[in-house]
Amino acid sequence: PLDALEGPVTLGVRPEFVRTDPTGPVHGRVTFDEYLGAWRNLHLETPFGPLIAREPADLAHPHGTHLRLSFDPAHLRLFDPDSGRSLA
């Protein structure tokens, strides 16, 4: 269980599970918009560190754009920050 964890952890989520959402709980600023054919990876700086969100290719966001983000908690992963090993 998560309440058994002691000390800091690293939270991870794959880009395909991060979405732009005007009412999302996390805000970020676009630092790079990476065009990948059918998709774009939006590289963002957030209060929690860097994050990548995947969007359809037709949704471009210029450098510096401020966006709100959301994600499905079922897809969050916890890692040991020293070893990188998965904790959950």
PDB file of N, CA and C in Angstrom:
ATOM      1  N   PRO A   1       0.820  -1.201   0.000  1.00  0.00           N
ATOM      2  CA  PRO A   1       0.000   0.000   0.000  1.00  0.00           C
ATOM      3  C   PRO A   1       0.861   1.261   0.000  1.00  0.00           C
ATOM      4  N   LEU A   2       0.325   2.312  -0.571  1.00  0.00           N
ATOM      5  CA  LEU A   2       1.069   3.559  -0.676  1.00  0.00           C
ATOM      6  C   LEU A   2       1.411   4.148   0.674  1.00  0.00           C
ATOM      7  N   ASP A   3       0.584   3.934   1.687  1.00  0.00           N
ATOM      8  CA  ASP A   3       0.880   4.518   2.992  1.00  0.00           C
ATOM      9  C   ASP A   3       2.072   3.851   3.667  1.00  0.00           C
ATOM     10  N   ALA A   4       2.562   2.744   3.130  1.00  0.00           N
ATOM     11  CA  ALA A   4       3.737   2.075   3.673  1.00  0.00           C
ATOM     12  C   ALA A   4       5.037   2.661   3.132  1.00  0.00           C
ATOM     13  N   LEU A   5       4.970   3.517   2.116  1.00  0.00           N
ATOM     14  CA  LEU A   5       6.165   4.111   1.529  1.00  0.00           C
ATOM     15  C   LEU A   5       6.739   5.167   2.454  1.00  0.00           C
ATOM     16  N   GLU A   6       8.071   5.184   2.552  1.00  0.00           N
ATOM     17  CA  GLU A   6       8.749   6.197   3.352  1.00  0.00           C
ATOM     18  C   GLU A   6       9.689   6.972   2.456  1.00  0.00           C
ATOM     19  N   GLY A   7       9.773   8.272   2.668  1.00  0.00           N
ATOM     20  CA  GLY A   7      10.703   9.099   1.914  1.00  0.00           C
ATOM     21  C   GLY A   7      10.148   9.523   0.570  1.00  0.00           C
ATOM     22  N   PRO A   8      10.981  10.237  -0.192  1.00  0.00           N
ATOM     23  CA  PRO A   8      10.528  10.757  -1.489  1.00  0.00           C
ATOM     24  C   PRO A   8      10.346   9.650  -2.523  1.00  0.00           C
ATOM     25  N   VAL A   9       9.463   9.896  -3.461  1.00  0.00           N
ATOM     26  CA  VAL A   9       9.244   9.005  -4.597  1.00  0.00           C
ATOM     27  C   VAL A   9       9.192   9.859  -5.858  1.00  0.00           C
ATOM     28  N   THR A  10       9.396   9.222  -6.995  1.00  0.00           N
ATOM     29  CA  THR A  10       9.240   9.882  -8.285  1.00  0.00           C
ATOM     30  C   THR A  10       7.941   9.391  -8.895  1.00  0.00           C
ATOM     31  N   LEU A  11       7.117  10.325  -9.346  1.00  0.00           N
ATOM     32  CA  LEU A  11       5.842  10.003  -9.970  1.00  0.00           C
ATOM     33  C   LEU A  11       6.032  10.005 -11.475  1.00  0.00           C
ATOM     34  N   GLY A  12       5.555   8.972 -12.145  1.00  0.00           N
ATOM     35  CA  GLY A  12       5.685   8.881 -13.592  1.00  0.00           C
ATOM     36  C   GLY A  12       4.348   8.607 -14.254  1.00  0.00           C
ATOM     37  N   VAL A  13       4.205   9.138 -15.468  1.00  0.00           N
ATOM     38  CA  VAL A  13       3.014   8.874 -16.277  1.00  0.00           C
ATOM     39  C   VAL A  13       3.436   8.986 -17.740  1.00  0.00           C
ATOM     40  N   ARG A  14       2.995   8.068 -18.563  1.00  0.00           N
ATOM     41  CA  ARG A  14       3.355   8.082 -19.982  1.00  0.00           C
ATOM     42  C   ARG A  14       2.632   9.220 -20.702  1.00  0.00           C
ATOM     43  N   PRO A  15       3.260   9.821 -21.718  1.00  0.00           N
ATOM     44  CA  PRO A  15       2.665  10.962 -22.425  1.00  0.00           C
ATOM     45  C   PRO A  15       1.260  10.704 -22.962  1.00  0.00           C
ATOM     46  N   GLU A  16       0.971   9.483 -23.388  1.00  0.00           N
ATOM     47  CA  GLU A  16      -0.352   9.209 -23.957  1.00  0.00           C
ATOM     48  C   GLU A  16      -1.465   9.260 -22.911  1.00  0.00           C
ATOM     49  N   PHE A  17      -1.103   9.310 -21.626  1.00  0.00           N
ATOM     50  CA  PHE A  17      -2.106   9.392 -20.565  1.00  0.00           C
ATOM     51  C   PHE A  17      -2.207  10.790 -19.953  1.00  0.00           C
ATOM     52  N   VAL A  18      -1.506  11.767 -20.533  1.00  0.00           N
ATOM     53  CA  VAL A  18      -1.591  13.167 -20.094  1.00  0.00           C
ATOM     54  C   VAL A  18      -2.344  13.930 -21.174  1.00  0.00           C
ATOM     55  N   ARG A  19      -3.357  14.715 -20.776  1.00  0.00           N
ATOM     56  CA  ARG A  19      -4.180  15.441 -21.745  1.00  0.00           C
ATOM     57  C   ARG A  19      -4.257  16.917 -21.380  1.00  0.00           C
ATOM     58  N   THR A  20      -4.369  17.754 -22.395  1.00  0.00           N
ATOM     59  CA  THR A  20      -4.707  19.143 -22.111  1.00  0.00           C
ATOM     60  C   THR A  20      -6.177  19.168 -21.715  1.00  0.00           C
ATOM     61  N   ASP A  21      -6.477  19.978 -20.704  1.00  0.00           N
ATOM     62  CA  ASP A  21      -7.822  20.007 -20.136  1.00  0.00           C
ATOM     63  C   ASP A  21      -8.010  21.377 -19.490  1.00  0.00           C
ATOM     64  N   PRO A  22      -8.919  22.212 -20.007  1.00  0.00           N
ATOM     65  CA  PRO A  22      -9.059  23.567 -19.482  1.00  0.00           C
ATOM     66  C   PRO A  22      -9.380  23.637 -17.992  1.00  0.00           C
ATOM     67  N   THR A  23      -9.867  22.537 -17.409  1.00  0.00           N
ATOM     68  CA  THR A  23     -10.155  22.523 -15.971  1.00  0.00           C
ATOM     69  C   THR A  23      -9.208  21.597 -15.211  1.00  0.00           C
ATOM     70  N   GLY A  24      -8.130  21.150 -15.859  1.00  0.00           N
ATOM     71  CA  GLY A  24      -7.196  20.217 -15.238  1.00  0.00           C
ATOM     72  C   GLY A  24      -6.499  20.790 -14.012  1.00  0.00           C
ATOM     73  N   PRO A  25      -6.082  19.923 -13.086  1.00  0.00           N
ATOM     74  CA  PRO A  25      -5.477  20.364 -11.834  1.00  0.00           C
ATOM     75  C   PRO A  25      -4.014  20.798 -11.936  1.00  0.00           C
ATOM     76  N   VAL A  26      -3.340  20.452 -13.015  1.00  0.00           N
ATOM     77  CA  VAL A  26      -1.916  20.771 -13.165  1.00  0.00           C
ATOM     78  C   VAL A  26      -1.766  21.803 -14.276  1.00  0.00           C
ATOM     79  N   HIS A  27      -0.945  22.816 -14.036  1.00  0.00           N
ATOM     80  CA  HIS A  27      -0.698  23.792 -15.098  1.00  0.00           C
ATOM     81  C   HIS A  27       0.752  23.684 -15.540  1.00  0.00           C
ATOM     82  N   GLY A  28       0.978  23.996 -16.805  1.00  0.00           N
ATOM     83  CA  GLY A  28       2.324  23.921 -17.355  1.00  0.00           C
ATOM     84  C   GLY A  28       2.506  24.897 -18.502  1.00  0.00           C
ATOM     85  N   ARG A  29       3.773  25.109 -18.837  1.00  0.00           N
ATOM     86  CA  ARG A  29       4.134  26.003 -19.939  1.00  0.00           C
ATOM     87  C   ARG A  29       4.874  25.185 -20.980  1.00  0.00           C
ATOM     88  N   VAL A  30       4.454  25.300 -22.237  1.00  0.00           N
ATOM     89  CA  VAL A  30       5.073  24.556 -23.331  1.00  0.00           C
ATOM     90  C   VAL A  30       6.505  25.053 -23.536  1.00  0.00           C
ATOM     91  N   THR A  31       7.457  24.115 -23.491  1.00  0.00           N
ATOM     92  CA  THR A  31       8.856  24.451 -23.768  1.00  0.00           C
ATOM     93  C   THR A  31       9.288  23.939 -25.133  1.00  0.00           C
ATOM     94  N   PHE A  32       8.561  22.943 -25.660  1.00  0.00           N
ATOM     95  CA  PHE A  32       8.880  22.392 -26.979  1.00  0.00           C
ATOM     96  C   PHE A  32       7.669  21.637 -27.487  1.00  0.00           C
ATOM     97  N   ASP A  33       7.307  21.853 -28.737  1.00  0.00           N
ATOM     98  CA  ASP A  33       6.194  21.164 -29.389  1.00  0.00           C
ATOM     99  C   ASP A  33       6.812  20.254 -30.445  1.00  0.00           C
ATOM    100  N   GLU A  34       6.846  18.956 -30.164  1.00  0.00           N
ATOM    101  CA  GLU A  34       7.535  17.972 -31.002  1.00  0.00           C
ATOM    102  C   GLU A  34       6.538  17.289 -31.943  1.00  0.00           C
ATOM    103  N   TYR A  35       6.585  17.632 -33.226  1.00  0.00           N
ATOM    104  CA  TYR A  35       5.693  17.048 -34.228  1.00  0.00           C
ATOM    105  C   TYR A  35       6.176  15.646 -34.571  1.00  0.00           C
ATOM    106  N   LEU A  36       5.268  14.651 -34.498  1.00  0.00           N
ATOM    107  CA  LEU A  36       5.621  13.247 -34.737  1.00  0.00           C
ATOM    108  C   LEU A  36       4.704  12.592 -35.768  1.00  0.00           C
ATOM    109  N   GLY A  37       4.264  13.331 -36.763  1.00  0.00           N
ATOM    110  CA  GLY A  37       3.370  12.770 -37.776  1.00  0.00           C
ATOM    111  C   GLY A  37       1.925  12.870 -37.333  1.00  0.00           C
ATOM    112  N   ALA A  38       1.357  11.777 -36.836  1.00  0.00           N
ATOM    113  CA  ALA A  38      -0.035  11.778 -36.389  1.00  0.00           C
ATOM    114  C   ALA A  38      -0.200  12.402 -35.002  1.00  0.00           C
ATOM    115  N   TRP A  39       0.917  12.589 -34.293  1.00  0.00           N
ATOM    116  CA  TRP A  39       0.883  13.089 -32.912  1.00  0.00           C
ATOM    117  C   TRP A  39       1.866  14.223 -32.710  1.00  0.00           C
ATOM    118  N   ARG A  40       1.689  14.914 -31.606  1.00  0.00           N
ATOM    119  CA  ARG A  40       2.660  15.886 -31.111  1.00  0.00           C
ATOM    120  C   ARG A  40       2.945  15.529 -29.660  1.00  0.00           C
ATOM    121  N   ASN A  41       4.190  15.592 -29.277  1.00  0.00           N
ATOM    122  CA  ASN A  41       4.541  15.519 -27.869  1.00  0.00           C
ATOM    123  C   ASN A  41       4.791  16.940 -27.403  1.00  0.00           C
ATOM    124  N   LEU A  42       4.007  17.380 -26.434  1.00  0.00           N
ATOM    125  CA  LEU A  42       4.187  18.701 -25.854  1.00  0.00           C
ATOM    126  C   LEU A  42       5.066  18.556 -24.625  1.00  0.00           C
ATOM    127  N   HIS A  43       6.233  19.159 -24.662  1.00  0.00           N
ATOM    128  CA  HIS A  43       7.137  19.156 -23.517  1.00  0.00           C
ATOM    129  C   HIS A  43       6.770  20.376 -22.686  1.00  0.00           C
ATOM    130  N   LEU A  44       6.488  20.149 -21.415  1.00  0.00           N
ATOM    131  CA  LEU A  44       5.999  21.223 -20.547  1.00  0.00           C
ATOM    132  C   LEU A  44       6.821  21.312 -19.270  1.00  0.00           C
ATOM    133  N   GLU A  45       6.949  22.523 -18.766  1.00  0.00           N
ATOM    134  CA  GLU A  45       7.510  22.737 -17.442  1.00  0.00           C
ATOM    135  C   GLU A  45       6.331  22.959 -16.510  1.00  0.00           C
ATOM    136  N   THR A  46       6.290  22.209 -15.407  1.00  0.00           N
ATOM    137  CA  THR A  46       5.204  22.313 -14.434  1.00  0.00           C
ATOM    138  C   THR A  46       5.807  22.585 -13.058  1.00  0.00           C
ATOM    139  N   PRO A  47       4.984  22.927 -12.069  1.00  0.00           N
ATOM    140  CA  PRO A  47       5.508  23.104 -10.714  1.00  0.00           C
ATOM    141  C   PRO A  47       6.139  21.829 -10.149  1.00  0.00           C
ATOM    142  N   PHE A  48       5.840  20.685 -10.753  1.00  0.00           N
ATOM    143  CA  PHE A  48       6.346  19.400 -10.277  1.00  0.00           C
ATOM    144  C   PHE A  48       7.531  18.897 -11.084  1.00  0.00           C
ATOM    145  N   GLY A  49       7.957  19.671 -12.068  1.00  0.00           N
ATOM    146  CA  GLY A  49       9.053  19.272 -12.941  1.00  0.00           C
ATOM    147  C   GLY A  49       8.558  19.084 -14.361  1.00  0.00           C
ATOM    148  N   PRO A  50       9.434  18.593 -15.247  1.00  0.00           N
ATOM    149  CA  PRO A  50       9.055  18.435 -16.654  1.00  0.00           C
ATOM    150  C   PRO A  50       8.002  17.345 -16.838  1.00  0.00           C
ATOM    151  N   LEU A  51       7.170  17.541 -17.857  1.00  0.00           N
ATOM    152  CA  LEU A  51       6.103  16.600 -18.173  1.00  0.00           C
ATOM    153  C   LEU A  51       5.905  16.619 -19.681  1.00  0.00           C
ATOM    154  N   ILE A  52       5.538  15.474 -20.252  1.00  0.00           N
ATOM    155  CA  ILE A  52       5.252  15.388 -21.684  1.00  0.00           C
ATOM    156  C   ILE A  52       3.810  14.932 -21.856  1.00  0.00           C
ATOM    157  N   ALA A  53       3.068  15.649 -22.700  1.00  0.00           N
ATOM    158  CA  ALA A  53       1.681  15.296 -23.021  1.00  0.00           C
ATOM    159  C   ALA A  53       1.595  14.993 -24.510  1.00  0.00           C
ATOM    160  N   ARG A  54       0.856  13.972 -24.883  1.00  0.00           N
ATOM    161  CA  ARG A  54       0.657  13.627 -26.294  1.00  0.00           C
ATOM    162  C   ARG A  54      -0.680  14.178 -26.761  1.00  0.00           C
ATOM    163  N   GLU A  55      -0.656  14.843 -27.922  1.00  0.00           N
ATOM    164  CA  GLU A  55      -1.844  15.462 -28.509  1.00  0.00           C
ATOM    165  C   GLU A  55      -1.926  15.065 -29.977  1.00  0.00           C
ATOM    166  N   PRO A  56      -3.115  15.112 -30.580  1.00  0.00           N
ATOM    167  CA  PRO A  56      -3.205  14.922 -32.029  1.00  0.00           C
ATOM    168  C   PRO A  56      -2.377  15.988 -32.752  1.00  0.00           C
ATOM    169  N   ALA A  57      -1.865  15.648 -33.918  1.00  0.00           N
ATOM    170  CA  ALA A  57      -0.957  16.532 -34.663  1.00  0.00           C
ATOM    171  C   ALA A  57      -1.581  17.873 -35.013  1.00  0.00           C
ATOM    172  N   ASP A  58      -2.899  17.934 -35.168  1.00  0.00           N
ATOM    173  CA  ASP A  58      -3.529  19.195 -35.572  1.00  0.00           C
ATOM    174  C   ASP A  58      -3.705  20.187 -34.419  1.00  0.00           C
ATOM    175  N   LEU A  59      -3.274  19.840 -33.213  1.00  0.00           N
ATOM    176  CA  LEU A  59      -3.403  20.730 -32.054  1.00  0.00           C
ATOM    177  C   LEU A  59      -2.042  21.301 -31.657  1.00  0.00           C
ATOM    178  N   ALA A  60      -1.522  22.214 -32.447  1.00  0.00           N
ATOM    179  CA  ALA A  60      -0.216  22.822 -32.168  1.00  0.00           C
ATOM    180  C   ALA A  60      -0.337  23.844 -31.040  1.00  0.00           C
ATOM    181  N   HIS A  61       0.706  23.924 -30.211  1.00  0.00           N
ATOM    182  CA  HIS A  61       0.775  24.895 -29.115  1.00  0.00           C
ATOM    183  C   HIS A  61       2.147  25.551 -29.160  1.00  0.00           C
ATOM    184  N   PRO A  62       2.213  26.850 -29.447  1.00  0.00           N
ATOM    185  CA  PRO A  62       3.507  27.531 -29.540  1.00  0.00           C
ATOM    186  C   PRO A  62       4.275  27.530 -28.217  1.00  0.00           C
ATOM    187  N   HIS A  63       5.586  27.657 -28.342  1.00  0.00           N
ATOM    188  CA  HIS A  63       6.470  27.766 -27.179  1.00  0.00           C
ATOM    189  C   HIS A  63       5.949  28.867 -26.256  1.00  0.00           C
ATOM    190  N   GLY A  64       5.905  28.578 -24.964  1.00  0.00           N
ATOM    191  CA  GLY A  64       5.453  29.560 -23.989  1.00  0.00           C
ATOM    192  C   GLY A  64       3.977  29.510 -23.663  1.00  0.00           C
ATOM    193  N   THR A  65       3.196  28.736 -24.434  1.00  0.00           N
ATOM    194  CA  THR A  65       1.762  28.623 -24.169  1.00  0.00           C
ATOM    195  C   THR A  65       1.538  27.996 -22.792  1.00  0.00           C
ATOM    196  N   HIS A  66       0.625  28.576 -22.027  1.00  0.00           N
ATOM    197  CA  HIS A  66       0.255  28.017 -20.724  1.00  0.00           C
ATOM    198  C   HIS A  66      -0.983  27.145 -20.906  1.00  0.00           C
ATOM    199  N   LEU A  67      -0.903  25.912 -20.404  1.00  0.00           N
ATOM    200  CA  LEU A  67      -1.991  24.941 -20.539  1.00  0.00           C
ATOM    201  C   LEU A  67      -2.305  24.326 -19.185  1.00  0.00           C
ATOM    202  N   ARG A  68      -3.524  23.834 -19.047  1.00  0.00           N
ATOM    203  CA  ARG A  68      -3.892  23.026 -17.885  1.00  0.00           C
ATOM    204  C   ARG A  68      -3.938  21.574 -18.353  1.00  0.00           C
ATOM    205  N   LEU A  69      -3.598  20.666 -17.449  1.00  0.00           N
ATOM    206  CA  LEU A  69      -3.430  19.260 -17.793  1.00  0.00           C
ATOM    207  C   LEU A  69      -4.170  18.368 -16.810  1.00  0.00           C
ATOM    208  N   SER A  70      -4.578  17.209 -17.300  1.00  0.00           N
ATOM    209  CA  SER A  70      -5.159  16.188 -16.434  1.00  0.00           C
ATOM    210  C   SER A  70      -4.655  14.830 -16.893  1.00  0.00           C
ATOM    211  N   PHE A  71      -4.864  13.839 -16.056  1.00  0.00           N
ATOM    212  CA  PHE A  71      -4.450  12.474 -16.376  1.00  0.00           C
ATOM    213  C   PHE A  71      -5.279  11.520 -15.543  1.00  0.00           C
ATOM    214  N   ASP A  72      -5.364  10.291 -16.005  1.00  0.00           N
ATOM    215  CA  ASP A  72      -6.101   9.257 -15.293  1.00  0.00           C
ATOM    216  C   ASP A  72      -5.193   8.701 -14.200  1.00  0.00           C
ATOM    217  N   PRO A  73      -5.560   8.850 -12.923  1.00  0.00           N
ATOM    218  CA  PRO A  73      -4.709   8.350 -11.839  1.00  0.00           C
ATOM    219  C   PRO A  73      -4.386   6.862 -11.945  1.00  0.00           C
ATOM    220  N   ALA A  74      -5.213   6.097 -12.637  1.00  0.00           N
ATOM    221  CA  ALA A  74      -4.945   4.662 -12.785  1.00  0.00           C
ATOM    222  C   ALA A  74      -3.652   4.407 -13.548  1.00  0.00           C
ATOM    223  N   HIS A  75      -3.177   5.404 -14.304  1.00  0.00           N
ATOM    224  CA  HIS A  75      -1.971   5.231 -15.109  1.00  0.00           C
ATOM    225  C   HIS A  75      -0.724   5.835 -14.465  1.00  0.00           C
ATOM    226  N   LEU A  76      -0.834   6.330 -13.243  1.00  0.00           N
ATOM    227  CA  LEU A  76       0.334   6.875 -12.544  1.00  0.00           C
ATOM    228  C   LEU A  76       1.200   5.737 -12.026  1.00  0.00           C
ATOM    229  N   ARG A  77       2.496   5.942 -12.046  1.00  0.00           N
ATOM    230  CA  ARG A  77       3.446   4.952 -11.540  1.00  0.00           C
ATOM    231  C   ARG A  77       4.387   5.637 -10.557  1.00  0.00           C
ATOM    232  N   LEU A  78       4.784   4.908  -9.524  1.00  0.00           N
ATOM    233  CA  LEU A  78       5.725   5.419  -8.533  1.00  0.00           C
ATOM    234  C   LEU A  78       7.056   4.698  -8.673  1.00  0.00           C
ATOM    235  N   PHE A  79       8.138   5.463  -8.543  1.00  0.00           N
ATOM    236  CA  PHE A  79       9.480   4.918  -8.682  1.00  0.00           C
ATOM    237  C   PHE A  79      10.353   5.377  -7.529  1.00  0.00           C
ATOM    238  N   ASP A  80      11.318   4.540  -7.166  1.00  0.00           N
ATOM    239  CA  ASP A  80      12.339   4.937  -6.208  1.00  0.00           C
ATOM    240  C   ASP A  80      13.244   5.946  -6.906  1.00  0.00           C
ATOM    241  N   PRO A  81      13.443   7.145  -6.331  1.00  0.00           N
ATOM    242  CA  PRO A  81      14.232   8.163  -7.028  1.00  0.00           C
ATOM    243  C   PRO A  81      15.713   7.818  -7.152  1.00  0.00           C
ATOM    244  N   ASP A  82      16.222   6.938  -6.302  1.00  0.00           N
ATOM    245  CA  ASP A  82      17.639   6.577  -6.363  1.00  0.00           C
ATOM    246  C   ASP A  82      17.913   5.443  -7.344  1.00  0.00           C
ATOM    247  N   SER A  83      17.123   4.365  -7.251  1.00  0.00           N
ATOM    248  CA  SER A  83      17.375   3.197  -8.099  1.00  0.00           C
ATOM    249  C   SER A  83      16.595   3.239  -9.408  1.00  0.00           C
ATOM    250  N   GLY A  84      15.485   3.996  -9.445  1.00  0.00           N
ATOM    251  CA  GLY A  84      14.624   4.012 -10.621  1.00  0.00           C
ATOM    252  C   GLY A  84      13.661   2.837 -10.667  1.00  0.00           C
ATOM    253  N   ARG A  85      13.714   1.963  -9.662  1.00  0.00           N
ATOM    254  CA  ARG A  85      12.832   0.795  -9.647  1.00  0.00           C
ATOM    255  C   ARG A  85      11.381   1.179  -9.381  1.00  0.00           C
ATOM    256  N   SER A  86      10.480   0.449 -10.021  1.00  0.00           N
ATOM    257  CA  SER A  86       9.050   0.675  -9.847  1.00  0.00           C
ATOM    258  C   SER A  86       8.631   0.276  -8.435  1.00  0.00           C
ATOM    259  N   LEU A  87       7.797   1.120  -7.808  1.00  0.00           N
ATOM    260  CA  LEU A  87       7.291   0.845  -6.465  1.00  0.00           C
ATOM    261  C   LEU A  87       5.828   0.429  -6.484  1.00  0.00           C
ATOM    262  N   ALA A  88       5.116   0.760  -7.536  1.00  0.00           N
ATOM    263  CA  ALA A  88       3.694   0.406  -7.598  1.00  0.00           C
ATOM    264  C   ALA A  88       3.285   0.239  -9.044  1.00  0.00           C
TER     265      ALA A  88
END
